[in-house]
Amino acid sequence: MAGKTVTRADLSEAVYHQVGLSRTESAALVETVLSEICGCLAGGETVKLSSFGSFVVRSKGKRVGRNPKTGVEVAIEPRQVMVFKPSNVLKAKINGQALNGLDKHDEDD
């Protein structure tokens, strides 16, 4: 799977095959979950998915940046950014490692 991008359609198809809902219901379910996550993040909430990771909204303050081409200083306005912090379970899975006695409820995000 190296280099493959998973799309909404891929997730819907997986739900269709593994859960047994119709394709339409599967697509609606995936859209509902993603919409709920987006809504929570837009409201500044942290979204934590056990054994997967956390999506955290952080505030970045105003700062001075520099145009790398011209060297001219530019003011960068304050903004919100979203950061993903993978769980220890996901990190271990990605690296093909065992969790050394940790199960999904013992992880420390």
C-alpha atoms as a PDB file:
ATOM      1  CA  MET A   1       0.000   0.000   0.000  1.00  0.00           C
ATOM      2  CA  ALA A   2       2.995   2.318  -0.047  1.00  0.00           C
ATOM      3  CA  GLY A   3       2.159   5.524  -1.871  1.00  0.00           C
ATOM      4  CA  LYS A   4      -1.604   4.913  -1.956  1.00  0.00           C
ATOM      5  CA  THR A   5      -3.928   7.631  -0.705  1.00  0.00           C
ATOM      6  CA  VAL A   6      -7.063   6.436   1.084  1.00  0.00           C
ATOM      7  CA  THR A   7     -10.132   8.416   0.046  1.00  0.00           C
ATOM      8  CA  ARG A   8     -13.659   8.811   1.411  1.00  0.00           C
ATOM      9  CA  ALA A   9     -14.778   6.359  -1.255  1.00  0.00           C
ATOM     10  CA  ASP A  10     -12.222   3.809  -0.005  1.00  0.00           C
ATOM     11  CA  LEU A  11     -13.470   4.214   3.573  1.00  0.00           C
ATOM     12  CA  SER A  12     -17.086   3.869   2.431  1.00  0.00           C
ATOM     13  CA  GLU A  13     -16.219   0.733   0.477  1.00  0.00           C
ATOM     14  CA  ALA A  14     -14.484  -0.750   3.539  1.00  0.00           C
ATOM     15  CA  VAL A  15     -17.568  -0.072   5.670  1.00  0.00           C
ATOM     16  CA  TYR A  16     -19.735  -1.615   2.948  1.00  0.00           C
ATOM     17  CA  HIS A  17     -17.670  -4.830   2.886  1.00  0.00           C
ATOM     18  CA  GLN A  18     -16.935  -5.189   6.607  1.00  0.00           C
ATOM     19  CA  VAL A  19     -20.153  -3.939   8.223  1.00  0.00           C
ATOM     20  CA  GLY A  20     -22.654  -4.998   5.607  1.00  0.00           C
ATOM     21  CA  LEU A  21     -24.495  -1.705   5.173  1.00  0.00           C
ATOM     22  CA  SER A  22     -25.556  -0.673   1.681  1.00  0.00           C
ATOM     23  CA  ARG A  23     -23.119   1.457  -0.303  1.00  0.00           C
ATOM     24  CA  THR A  24     -25.354   4.501   0.212  1.00  0.00           C
ATOM     25  CA  GLU A  25     -25.619   3.916   3.958  1.00  0.00           C
ATOM     26  CA  SER A  26     -21.868   3.305   4.185  1.00  0.00           C
ATOM     27  CA  ALA A  27     -21.090   6.563   2.394  1.00  0.00           C
ATOM     28  CA  ALA A  28     -23.543   8.426   4.645  1.00  0.00           C
ATOM     29  CA  LEU A  29     -21.982   6.910   7.767  1.00  0.00           C
ATOM     30  CA  VAL A  30     -18.456   7.929   6.717  1.00  0.00           C
ATOM     31  CA  GLU A  31     -19.673  11.456   5.878  1.00  0.00           C
ATOM     32  CA  THR A  32     -21.446  11.742   9.236  1.00  0.00           C
ATOM     33  CA  VAL A  33     -18.344  10.703  11.187  1.00  0.00           C
ATOM     34  CA  LEU A  34     -16.050  13.045   9.251  1.00  0.00           C
ATOM     35  CA  SER A  35     -18.549  15.895   9.545  1.00  0.00           C
ATOM     36  CA  GLU A  36     -18.794  15.409  13.311  1.00  0.00           C
ATOM     37  CA  ILE A  37     -14.989  15.423  13.643  1.00  0.00           C
ATOM     38  CA  CYS A  38     -14.744  18.595  11.516  1.00  0.00           C
ATOM     39  CA  GLY A  39     -17.459  20.312  13.533  1.00  0.00           C
ATOM     40  CA  CYS A  40     -15.767  19.528  16.824  1.00  0.00           C
ATOM     41  CA  LEU A  41     -12.395  20.757  15.572  1.00  0.00           C
ATOM     42  CA  ALA A  42     -13.940  23.937  14.137  1.00  0.00           C
ATOM     43  CA  GLY A  43     -15.396  24.554  17.594  1.00  0.00           C
ATOM     44  CA  GLY A  44     -11.926  24.295  19.133  1.00  0.00           C
ATOM     45  CA  GLU A  45     -12.490  20.891  20.728  1.00  0.00           C
ATOM     46  CA  THR A  46      -9.920  18.096  20.862  1.00  0.00           C
ATOM     47  CA  VAL A  47     -10.988  14.868  19.155  1.00  0.00           C
ATOM     48  CA  LYS A  48      -9.475  11.760  20.750  1.00  0.00           C
ATOM     49  CA  LEU A  49      -9.950   8.393  19.074  1.00  0.00           C
ATOM     50  CA  SER A  50      -8.768   5.588  21.352  1.00  0.00           C
ATOM     51  CA  SER A  51      -5.969   3.459  19.872  1.00  0.00           C
ATOM     52  CA  PHE A  52      -5.678   5.898  16.959  1.00  0.00           C
ATOM     53  CA  GLY A  53      -4.715   9.354  18.169  1.00  0.00           C
ATOM     54  CA  SER A  54      -5.849  12.871  18.938  1.00  0.00           C
ATOM     55  CA  PHE A  55      -6.636  15.835  16.727  1.00  0.00           C
ATOM     56  CA  VAL A  56      -5.776  18.972  18.695  1.00  0.00           C
ATOM     57  CA  VAL A  57      -6.512  22.598  17.767  1.00  0.00           C
ATOM     58  CA  ARG A  58      -3.744  24.967  18.821  1.00  0.00           C
ATOM     59  CA  SER A  59      -3.496  28.745  18.701  1.00  0.00           C
ATOM     60  CA  LYS A  60      -0.445  30.327  17.132  1.00  0.00           C
ATOM     61  CA  GLY A  61       0.321  33.897  18.068  1.00  0.00           C
ATOM     62  CA  LYS A  62       1.241  36.808  15.858  1.00  0.00           C
ATOM     63  CA  ARG A  63       4.832  36.740  14.703  1.00  0.00           C
ATOM     64  CA  VAL A  64       7.194  38.215  12.167  1.00  0.00           C
ATOM     65  CA  GLY A  65       8.128  36.056   9.195  1.00  0.00           C
ATOM     66  CA  ARG A  66      10.515  36.646   6.341  1.00  0.00           C
ATOM     67  CA  ASN A  67      10.014  36.180   2.616  1.00  0.00           C
ATOM     68  CA  PRO A  68      12.835  33.751   1.751  1.00  0.00           C
ATOM     69  CA  LYS A  69      13.182  35.139  -1.759  1.00  0.00           C
ATOM     70  CA  THR A  70      13.382  38.843  -0.964  1.00  0.00           C
ATOM     71  CA  GLY A  71      14.237  38.865   2.737  1.00  0.00           C
ATOM     72  CA  VAL A  72      11.393  41.303   3.430  1.00  0.00           C
ATOM     73  CA  GLU A  73       9.810  40.928   6.871  1.00  0.00           C
ATOM     74  CA  VAL A  74       6.081  40.181   6.905  1.00  0.00           C
ATOM     75  CA  ALA A  75       3.653  40.120   9.828  1.00  0.00           C
ATOM     76  CA  ILE A  76       1.993  36.701  10.228  1.00  0.00           C
ATOM     77  CA  GLU A  77      -1.389  37.051  11.893  1.00  0.00           C
ATOM     78  CA  PRO A  78      -2.527  34.814  14.784  1.00  0.00           C
ATOM     79  CA  ARG A  79      -4.299  31.657  13.635  1.00  0.00           C
ATOM     80  CA  GLN A  80      -5.577  28.263  14.673  1.00  0.00           C
ATOM     81  CA  VAL A  81      -3.781  25.118  13.493  1.00  0.00           C
ATOM     82  CA  MET A  82      -4.732  21.474  13.789  1.00  0.00           C
ATOM     83  CA  VAL A  83      -2.165  18.946  14.968  1.00  0.00           C
ATOM     84  CA  PHE A  84      -2.490  15.157  14.931  1.00  0.00           C
ATOM     85  CA  LYS A  85      -0.827  13.217  17.755  1.00  0.00           C
ATOM     86  CA  PRO A  86      -0.784   9.470  17.038  1.00  0.00           C
ATOM     87  CA  SER A  87      -1.381   7.059  19.918  1.00  0.00           C
ATOM     88  CA  ASN A  88       1.278   4.646  21.069  1.00  0.00           C
ATOM     89  CA  VAL A  89      -0.845   1.833  19.620  1.00  0.00           C
ATOM     90  CA  LEU A  90      -0.823   3.438  16.160  1.00  0.00           C
ATOM     91  CA  LYS A  91       2.904   4.231  16.354  1.00  0.00           C
ATOM     92  CA  ALA A  92       3.684   0.612  17.214  1.00  0.00           C
ATOM     93  CA  LYS A  93       1.439  -0.680  14.436  1.00  0.00           C
ATOM     94  CA  ILE A  94       3.077   1.602  11.853  1.00  0.00           C
ATOM     95  CA  ASN A  95       6.517   0.415  12.949  1.00  0.00           C
ATOM     96  CA  GLY A  96       5.490  -3.257  13.072  1.00  0.00           C
ATOM     97  CA  GLN A  97       6.268  -3.496  16.775  1.00  0.00           C
ATOM     98  CA  ALA A  98       4.532  -5.136  19.702  1.00  0.00           C
ATOM     99  CA  LEU A  99       3.293  -2.817  22.420  1.00  0.00           C
ATOM    100  CA  ASN A 100       5.428  -4.328  25.202  1.00  0.00           C
ATOM    101  CA  GLY A 101       2.561  -5.192  27.499  1.00  0.00           C
ATOM    102  CA  LEU A 102       0.430  -2.157  26.745  1.00  0.00           C
ATOM    103  CA  ASP A 103      -3.050  -2.805  25.525  1.00  0.00           C
ATOM    104  CA  LYS A 104      -5.254  -0.185  23.927  1.00  0.00           C
ATOM    105  CA  HIS A 105      -6.631   0.963  27.282  1.00  0.00           C
ATOM    106  CA  ASP A 106      -3.208   1.469  28.864  1.00  0.00           C
ATOM    107  CA  GLU A 107      -1.800   3.814  26.260  1.00  0.00           C
ATOM    108  CA  ASP A 108      -0.557   7.248  27.168  1.00  0.00           C
ATOM    109  CA  ASP A 109      -1.390   9.779  24.415  1.00  0.00           C
END
